């Protein structure tokens, strides 16, 4: 059985992940092995609550939490 393309998975689940308070971004990345695709969820601060709320996998793809801090637009 083949999995859905990871970009389709991101498109289908991105909004629900971004709706979690503390999540500031979601993107397709790679695991530390440099080969395996995963979803990366950027959070302001990695907390135990976020670790519980963000799934470990989505549709067969691993999900990693990445602490990014607050994201603000650049000034002109």
N, C-alpha and C. Protein backbone atom coordinates (compact mmCIF):
# COMPACT_ATOMS: atom_id res chain seq x y z
N UNK A 1 0.84 -1.19 0.00
CA UNK A 1 0.00 0.00 0.00
C UNK A 1 0.88 1.25 0.00
N UNK A 2 0.62 2.17 -0.91
CA UNK A 2 1.42 3.39 -0.98
C UNK A 2 0.80 4.48 -0.13
N UNK A 3 1.68 5.32 0.39
CA UNK A 3 1.21 6.44 1.20
C UNK A 3 0.89 7.63 0.30
N UNK A 4 0.10 8.52 0.84
CA UNK A 4 -0.17 9.78 0.20
C UNK A 4 1.13 10.58 0.10
N UNK A 5 1.23 11.44 -0.88
CA UNK A 5 2.38 12.34 -0.98
C UNK A 5 2.42 13.23 0.26
N UNK A 6 3.60 13.46 0.80
CA UNK A 6 3.74 14.23 2.04
C UNK A 6 3.21 15.66 1.89
N UNK A 7 3.32 16.23 0.71
CA UNK A 7 2.79 17.59 0.51
C UNK A 7 1.26 17.61 0.60
N UNK A 8 0.62 16.55 0.14
CA UNK A 8 -0.84 16.44 0.27
C UNK A 8 -1.22 16.26 1.75
N UNK A 9 -0.41 15.51 2.48
CA UNK A 9 -0.66 15.32 3.92
C UNK A 9 -0.53 16.67 4.64
N UNK A 10 0.50 17.43 4.31
CA UNK A 10 0.67 18.76 4.92
C UNK A 10 -0.52 19.65 4.60
N UNK A 11 -0.93 19.65 3.34
CA UNK A 11 -2.08 20.47 2.95
C UNK A 11 -3.35 20.06 3.70
N UNK A 12 -3.52 18.77 3.91
CA UNK A 12 -4.71 18.27 4.58
C UNK A 12 -4.72 18.46 6.09
N UNK A 13 -3.55 18.61 6.70
CA UNK A 13 -3.48 18.69 8.16
C UNK A 13 -2.85 19.98 8.69
N UNK A 14 -2.32 20.80 7.81
CA UNK A 14 -1.63 22.01 8.23
C UNK A 14 -2.49 22.95 9.07
N UNK A 15 -3.72 23.19 8.64
CA UNK A 15 -4.59 24.13 9.37
C UNK A 15 -4.90 23.63 10.77
N UNK A 16 -5.14 22.32 10.91
CA UNK A 16 -5.45 21.80 12.25
C UNK A 16 -4.24 21.89 13.17
N UNK A 17 -3.05 21.70 12.63
CA UNK A 17 -1.84 21.84 13.45
C UNK A 17 -1.62 23.31 13.83
N UNK A 18 -1.83 24.22 12.89
CA UNK A 18 -1.66 25.65 13.17
C UNK A 18 -2.70 26.18 14.15
N UNK A 19 -3.81 25.48 14.31
CA UNK A 19 -4.85 25.89 15.25
C UNK A 19 -4.47 25.59 16.70
N UNK A 20 -3.43 24.79 16.91
CA UNK A 20 -2.98 24.47 18.27
C UNK A 20 -2.23 25.68 18.81
N UNK A 21 -2.67 26.23 19.96
CA UNK A 21 -1.97 27.39 20.53
C UNK A 21 -0.49 27.08 20.77
N UNK A 22 0.37 27.99 20.30
CA UNK A 22 1.81 27.81 20.44
C UNK A 22 2.48 27.33 19.18
N UNK A 23 1.69 26.83 18.21
CA UNK A 23 2.25 26.39 16.93
C UNK A 23 2.30 27.61 16.00
N UNK A 24 3.47 27.86 15.41
CA UNK A 24 3.64 29.03 14.54
C UNK A 24 3.96 28.69 13.09
N UNK A 25 4.15 27.42 12.78
CA UNK A 25 4.43 27.03 11.41
C UNK A 25 4.50 25.53 11.25
N UNK A 26 4.29 25.07 10.03
CA UNK A 26 4.36 23.65 9.70
C UNK A 26 4.98 23.53 8.31
N UNK A 27 5.93 22.61 8.14
CA UNK A 27 6.54 22.45 6.83
C UNK A 27 7.05 21.03 6.64
N UNK A 28 7.36 20.69 5.39
CA UNK A 28 7.94 19.39 5.07
C UNK A 28 9.44 19.49 5.25
N UNK A 29 10.00 18.53 5.98
CA UNK A 29 11.43 18.50 6.21
C UNK A 29 11.95 17.08 6.11
N UNK A 30 13.15 16.88 6.64
CA UNK A 30 13.77 15.56 6.65
C UNK A 30 14.16 15.20 8.07
N UNK A 31 14.12 13.91 8.37
CA UNK A 31 14.63 13.43 9.64
C UNK A 31 16.14 13.65 9.68
N UNK A 32 16.77 13.53 10.85
CA UNK A 32 18.22 13.73 10.93
C UNK A 32 19.03 12.84 9.99
N UNK A 33 18.45 11.73 9.51
CA UNK A 33 19.20 10.89 8.57
C UNK A 33 19.40 11.55 7.20
N UNK A 34 18.70 12.69 6.99
CA UNK A 34 18.83 13.42 5.73
C UNK A 34 18.12 12.82 4.55
N UNK A 35 17.36 11.73 4.77
CA UNK A 35 16.69 11.04 3.66
C UNK A 35 15.19 10.89 3.85
N UNK A 36 14.77 10.69 5.09
CA UNK A 36 13.38 10.35 5.38
C UNK A 36 12.53 11.60 5.53
N UNK A 37 11.48 11.76 4.69
CA UNK A 37 10.62 12.93 4.81
C UNK A 37 9.79 12.89 6.08
N UNK A 38 9.54 14.09 6.62
CA UNK A 38 8.72 14.20 7.83
C UNK A 38 8.01 15.55 7.79
N UNK A 39 7.08 15.72 8.71
CA UNK A 39 6.45 17.02 8.92
C UNK A 39 7.12 17.66 10.12
N UNK A 40 7.48 18.93 10.00
CA UNK A 40 8.08 19.66 11.11
C UNK A 40 7.09 20.71 11.58
N UNK A 41 6.86 20.72 12.88
CA UNK A 41 5.93 21.66 13.48
C UNK A 41 6.75 22.64 14.31
N UNK A 42 6.70 23.91 13.91
CA UNK A 42 7.44 24.95 14.61
C UNK A 42 6.58 25.50 15.75
N UNK A 43 7.17 25.57 16.93
CA UNK A 43 6.45 26.06 18.10
C UNK A 43 7.25 27.20 18.75
N UNK A 44 6.54 28.09 19.45
CA UNK A 44 7.19 29.18 20.16
C UNK A 44 8.11 28.61 21.22
N UNK A 45 7.57 27.68 22.01
CA UNK A 45 8.34 27.02 23.07
C UNK A 45 7.84 25.58 23.19
N UNK A 46 8.76 24.63 23.21
CA UNK A 46 8.37 23.23 23.33
C UNK A 46 7.98 22.95 24.78
N UNK A 47 6.72 22.59 24.98
CA UNK A 47 6.21 22.29 26.32
C UNK A 47 5.66 20.87 26.35
N UNK A 48 5.46 20.36 27.54
CA UNK A 48 4.87 19.02 27.69
C UNK A 48 3.47 18.99 27.09
N UNK A 49 2.71 20.07 27.26
CA UNK A 49 1.35 20.12 26.71
C UNK A 49 1.40 20.01 25.18
N UNK A 50 2.31 20.73 24.55
CA UNK A 50 2.42 20.64 23.08
C UNK A 50 2.88 19.26 22.65
N UNK A 51 3.78 18.66 23.40
CA UNK A 51 4.23 17.30 23.06
C UNK A 51 3.06 16.32 23.09
N UNK A 52 2.11 16.54 24.00
CA UNK A 52 0.93 15.68 24.07
C UNK A 52 -0.06 15.97 22.95
N UNK A 53 -0.20 17.23 22.58
CA UNK A 53 -1.22 17.63 21.61
C UNK A 53 -0.81 17.40 20.16
N UNK A 54 0.48 17.45 19.87
CA UNK A 54 0.94 17.27 18.50
C UNK A 54 1.20 15.78 18.27
N UNK A 55 0.56 15.20 17.26
CA UNK A 55 0.75 13.76 17.03
C UNK A 55 2.18 13.41 16.65
N UNK A 56 2.58 12.19 16.97
CA UNK A 56 3.95 11.71 16.65
C UNK A 56 4.06 11.33 15.17
N UNK A 57 2.94 10.92 14.59
CA UNK A 57 2.89 10.61 13.16
C UNK A 57 1.55 11.10 12.60
N UNK A 58 1.55 11.41 11.32
CA UNK A 58 0.32 11.76 10.60
C UNK A 58 0.36 11.02 9.28
N UNK A 59 -0.63 10.18 9.08
CA UNK A 59 -0.77 9.39 7.84
C UNK A 59 0.53 8.67 7.49
N UNK A 60 1.21 8.15 8.52
CA UNK A 60 2.41 7.35 8.31
C UNK A 60 3.71 8.14 8.27
N UNK A 61 3.64 9.46 8.28
CA UNK A 61 4.85 10.28 8.28
C UNK A 61 5.18 10.72 9.70
N UNK A 62 6.46 10.67 10.08
CA UNK A 62 6.85 11.15 11.40
C UNK A 62 6.66 12.67 11.51
N UNK A 63 6.37 13.11 12.72
CA UNK A 63 6.20 14.54 13.00
C UNK A 63 7.24 14.93 14.05
N UNK A 64 8.01 15.97 13.75
CA UNK A 64 9.01 16.47 14.68
C UNK A 64 8.63 17.87 15.13
N UNK A 65 8.87 18.16 16.40
CA UNK A 65 8.63 19.50 16.95
C UNK A 65 9.95 20.26 16.91
N UNK A 66 9.87 21.49 16.45
CA UNK A 66 11.05 22.35 16.35
C UNK A 66 10.75 23.67 17.06
N UNK A 67 11.50 23.97 18.11
CA UNK A 67 11.29 25.22 18.84
C UNK A 67 11.91 26.36 18.05
N UNK A 68 11.07 27.34 17.65
CA UNK A 68 11.55 28.43 16.81
C UNK A 68 11.47 29.78 17.51
N UNK A 69 10.73 29.87 18.57
CA UNK A 69 10.46 31.17 19.18
C UNK A 69 9.35 31.87 18.42
N UNK A 70 9.10 33.11 18.79
CA UNK A 70 8.07 33.90 18.13
C UNK A 70 8.54 34.27 16.73
N UNK A 71 7.64 34.19 15.77
CA UNK A 71 7.95 34.57 14.39
C UNK A 71 7.22 35.87 14.09
N UNK A 72 7.99 36.86 13.64
CA UNK A 72 7.43 38.18 13.31
C UNK A 72 7.82 38.53 11.88
N UNK A 73 6.98 39.32 11.20
CA UNK A 73 7.34 39.76 9.85
C UNK A 73 8.52 40.72 9.91
N UNK A 74 9.33 40.71 8.84
CA UNK A 74 10.42 41.67 8.74
C UNK A 74 9.88 43.06 8.48
N UNK A 75 10.56 44.08 8.99
CA UNK A 75 10.15 45.46 8.72
C UNK A 75 10.63 45.85 7.34
N UNK A 76 9.93 46.80 6.71
CA UNK A 76 10.32 47.25 5.37
C UNK A 76 11.62 47.98 5.40
